C-alpha atoms as a PDB file:
ATOM      1  CA  MET A   1       0.000   0.000   0.000  1.00  0.00           C
ATOM      2  CA  LEU A   2       1.235   3.475  -0.857  1.00  0.00           C
ATOM      3  CA  PRO A   3       1.959   5.880   2.003  1.00  0.00           C
ATOM      4  CA  ARG A   4      -0.636   8.548   2.765  1.00  0.00           C
ATOM      5  CA  ILE A   5       0.094  12.178   3.469  1.00  0.00           C
ATOM      6  CA  ILE A   6      -2.390  13.846   5.786  1.00  0.00           C
ATOM      7  CA  LEU A   7      -2.458  17.596   6.365  1.00  0.00           C
ATOM      8  CA  THR A   8      -4.488  19.003   9.225  1.00  0.00           C
ATOM      9  CA  GLY A   9      -6.642  22.074   8.792  1.00  0.00           C
ATOM     10  CA  CYS A  10      -4.357  23.919  11.199  1.00  0.00           C
ATOM     11  CA  GLN A  11      -1.294  23.105   9.084  1.00  0.00           C
ATOM     12  CA  ILE A  12      -2.969  24.548   6.004  1.00  0.00           C
ATOM     13  CA  ILE A  13      -4.551  27.573   7.699  1.00  0.00           C
ATOM     14  CA  CYS A  14      -1.433  28.475   9.709  1.00  0.00           C
ATOM     15  CA  SER A  15       0.856  28.078   6.693  1.00  0.00           C
ATOM     16  CA  GLY A  16      -1.451  29.584   4.078  1.00  0.00           C
ATOM     17  CA  ILE A  17       0.319  27.537   1.410  1.00  0.00           C
ATOM     18  CA  VAL A  18       1.518  23.981   1.910  1.00  0.00           C
ATOM     19  CA  THR A  19       4.033  22.436  -0.492  1.00  0.00           C
ATOM     20  CA  LEU A  20       4.698  18.696  -0.532  1.00  0.00           C
ATOM     21  CA  ASP A  21       7.431  16.898  -2.426  1.00  0.00           C
ATOM     22  CA  VAL A  22       6.446  13.336  -3.264  1.00  0.00           C
ATOM     23  CA  THR A  23       7.847  10.627  -5.490  1.00  0.00           C
ATOM     24  CA  LEU A  24       5.220   9.113  -7.755  1.00  0.00           C
ATOM     25  CA  SER A  25       5.011   5.662  -9.269  1.00  0.00           C
ATOM     26  CA  VAL A  26       6.151   4.972 -12.826  1.00  0.00           C
ATOM     27  CA  ASN A  27       2.594   4.398 -14.061  1.00  0.00           C
ATOM     28  CA  ALA A  28       1.298   6.478 -16.986  1.00  0.00           C
ATOM     29  CA  PHE A  29      -1.383   8.001 -14.752  1.00  0.00           C
ATOM     30  CA  ILE A  30      -1.554   8.951 -11.106  1.00  0.00           C
ATOM     31  CA  PHE A  31      -4.631   9.260  -8.921  1.00  0.00           C
ATOM     32  CA  ILE A  32      -4.749  12.042  -6.369  1.00  0.00           C
ATOM     33  CA  ALA A  33      -7.458  11.929  -3.716  1.00  0.00           C
ATOM     34  CA  GLY A  34      -8.121  13.961  -0.626  1.00  0.00           C
ATOM     35  CA  ILE A  35     -10.644  15.546   1.683  1.00  0.00           C
ATOM     36  CA  VAL A  36     -11.143  19.296   2.028  1.00  0.00           C
ATOM     37  CA  TYR A  37     -12.003  20.540   5.527  1.00  0.00           C
ATOM     38  CA  ASP A  38     -13.276  23.903   6.727  1.00  0.00           C
ATOM     39  CA  PRO A  39     -11.416  25.811   9.497  1.00  0.00           C
ATOM     40  CA  SER A  40     -13.542  23.987  12.107  1.00  0.00           C
ATOM     41  CA  GLU A  41     -12.239  20.667  10.720  1.00  0.00           C
ATOM     42  CA  HIS A  42     -15.588  19.647   9.207  1.00  0.00           C
ATOM     43  CA  PRO A  43     -15.547  18.079   5.712  1.00  0.00           C
ATOM     44  CA  LEU A  44     -16.416  20.706   3.100  1.00  0.00           C
ATOM     45  CA  PRO A  45     -18.844  19.590   0.366  1.00  0.00           C
ATOM     46  CA  ASP A  46     -18.965  21.393  -2.999  1.00  0.00           C
ATOM     47  CA  ALA A  47     -15.494  22.926  -2.639  1.00  0.00           C
ATOM     48  CA  ALA A  48     -13.646  23.522  -5.907  1.00  0.00           C
ATOM     49  CA  VAL A  49     -10.211  21.916  -6.295  1.00  0.00           C
ATOM     50  CA  VAL A  50      -8.357  23.588  -9.167  1.00  0.00           C
ATOM     51  CA  VAL A  51      -5.497  21.636 -10.778  1.00  0.00           C
ATOM     52  CA  TYR A  52      -2.486  23.413 -12.288  1.00  0.00           C
ATOM     53  CA  ILE A  53       0.531  21.956 -14.101  1.00  0.00           C
ATOM     54  CA  ILE A  54       3.868  23.684 -13.589  1.00  0.00           C
ATOM     55  CA  ASP A  55       6.677  23.488 -16.144  1.00  0.00           C
ATOM     56  CA  ASN A  56       9.995  23.969 -14.364  1.00  0.00           C
ATOM     57  CA  THR A  57      12.033  23.591 -17.562  1.00  0.00           C
ATOM     58  CA  THR A  58      11.317  27.226 -18.474  1.00  0.00           C
ATOM     59  CA  THR A  59      12.646  30.367 -16.829  1.00  0.00           C
ATOM     60  CA  PRO A  60      10.609  31.523 -15.091  1.00  0.00           C
ATOM     61  CA  PRO A  61       8.529  28.380 -14.558  1.00  0.00           C
ATOM     62  CA  THR A  62       5.143  28.492 -16.287  1.00  0.00           C
ATOM     63  CA  GLU A  63       1.862  27.510 -14.710  1.00  0.00           C
ATOM     64  CA  LYS A  64      -1.229  26.391 -16.633  1.00  0.00           C
ATOM     65  CA  ARG A  65      -4.662  25.574 -15.261  1.00  0.00           C
ATOM     66  CA  LEU A  66      -5.707  22.072 -16.340  1.00  0.00           C
ATOM     67  CA  GLY A  67      -9.172  21.921 -14.852  1.00  0.00           C
ATOM     68  CA  VAL A  68     -11.269  21.698 -11.759  1.00  0.00           C
ATOM     69  CA  THR A  69     -12.954  18.996  -9.709  1.00  0.00           C
ATOM     70  CA  PHE A  70     -15.382  19.344  -6.823  1.00  0.00           C
ATOM     71  CA  THR A  71     -15.750  17.694  -3.453  1.00  0.00           C
ATOM     72  CA  VAL A  72     -18.777  15.519  -2.692  1.00  0.00           C
ATOM     73  CA  ALA A  73     -20.926  15.432   0.470  1.00  0.00           C
ATOM     74  CA  ASP A  74     -18.138  14.028   2.678  1.00  0.00           C
ATOM     75  CA  GLY A  75     -15.599  16.614   1.439  1.00  0.00           C
ATOM     76  CA  SER A  76     -13.678  14.085  -0.641  1.00  0.00           C
ATOM     77  CA  TYR A  77     -12.397  14.491  -4.185  1.00  0.00           C
ATOM     78  CA  GLY A  78     -10.328  12.443  -6.587  1.00  0.00           C
ATOM     79  CA  ILE A  79      -8.732  13.108  -9.935  1.00  0.00           C
ATOM     80  CA  SER A  80      -6.694  11.046 -12.387  1.00  0.00           C
ATOM     81  CA  LEU A  81      -3.800  12.903 -14.007  1.00  0.00           C
ATOM     82  CA  PRO A  82      -1.210  11.926 -16.596  1.00  0.00           C
ATOM     83  CA  ARG A  83       2.312  11.454 -15.313  1.00  0.00           C
ATOM     84  CA  VAL A  84       4.429  14.041 -17.144  1.00  0.00           C
ATOM     85  CA  LYS A  85       8.233  14.195 -16.899  1.00  0.00           C
ATOM     86  CA  TYR A  86       9.733  17.400 -15.519  1.00  0.00           C
ATOM     87  CA  LYS A  87       6.348  18.801 -14.553  1.00  0.00           C
ATOM     88  CA  GLU A  88       4.665  19.353 -11.206  1.00  0.00           C
ATOM     89  CA  TYR A  89       1.020  19.555 -10.217  1.00  0.00           C
ATOM     90  CA  LYS A  90      -0.457  22.143  -7.891  1.00  0.00           C
ATOM     91  CA  LEU A  91      -3.915  21.778  -6.344  1.00  0.00           C
ATOM     92  CA  VAL A  92      -5.737  24.745  -4.828  1.00  0.00           C
ATOM     93  CA  ALA A  93      -9.009  24.310  -2.903  1.00  0.00           C
ATOM     94  CA  TYR A  94     -11.670  27.015  -2.701  1.00  0.00           C
ATOM     95  CA  SER A  95     -14.650  26.961  -0.369  1.00  0.00           C
ATOM     96  CA  PRO A  96     -18.088  27.112  -1.984  1.00  0.00           C
ATOM     97  CA  GLY A  97     -20.083  30.332  -2.089  1.00  0.00           C
END
């Protein structure tokens, strides 16, 4: 089983931005899943999770929005993304309304 990375609401709120470096499998696609919580640590339904791809081979690095997914009733989301060499993904969650 692959290791899980869990960020608490306090870690995200106190830091503002949280950056994680992870090593991904060699599969053609990766699946990223998570749960978005509100500041009171309750799961947040209908939150938007925007996915960006970052190209670090250019100076300065370029960032392009790939798309968006939304959380369901329990605050969870999941998205399948292609594994791309020399690129990074950035996910940004926004609360609904």
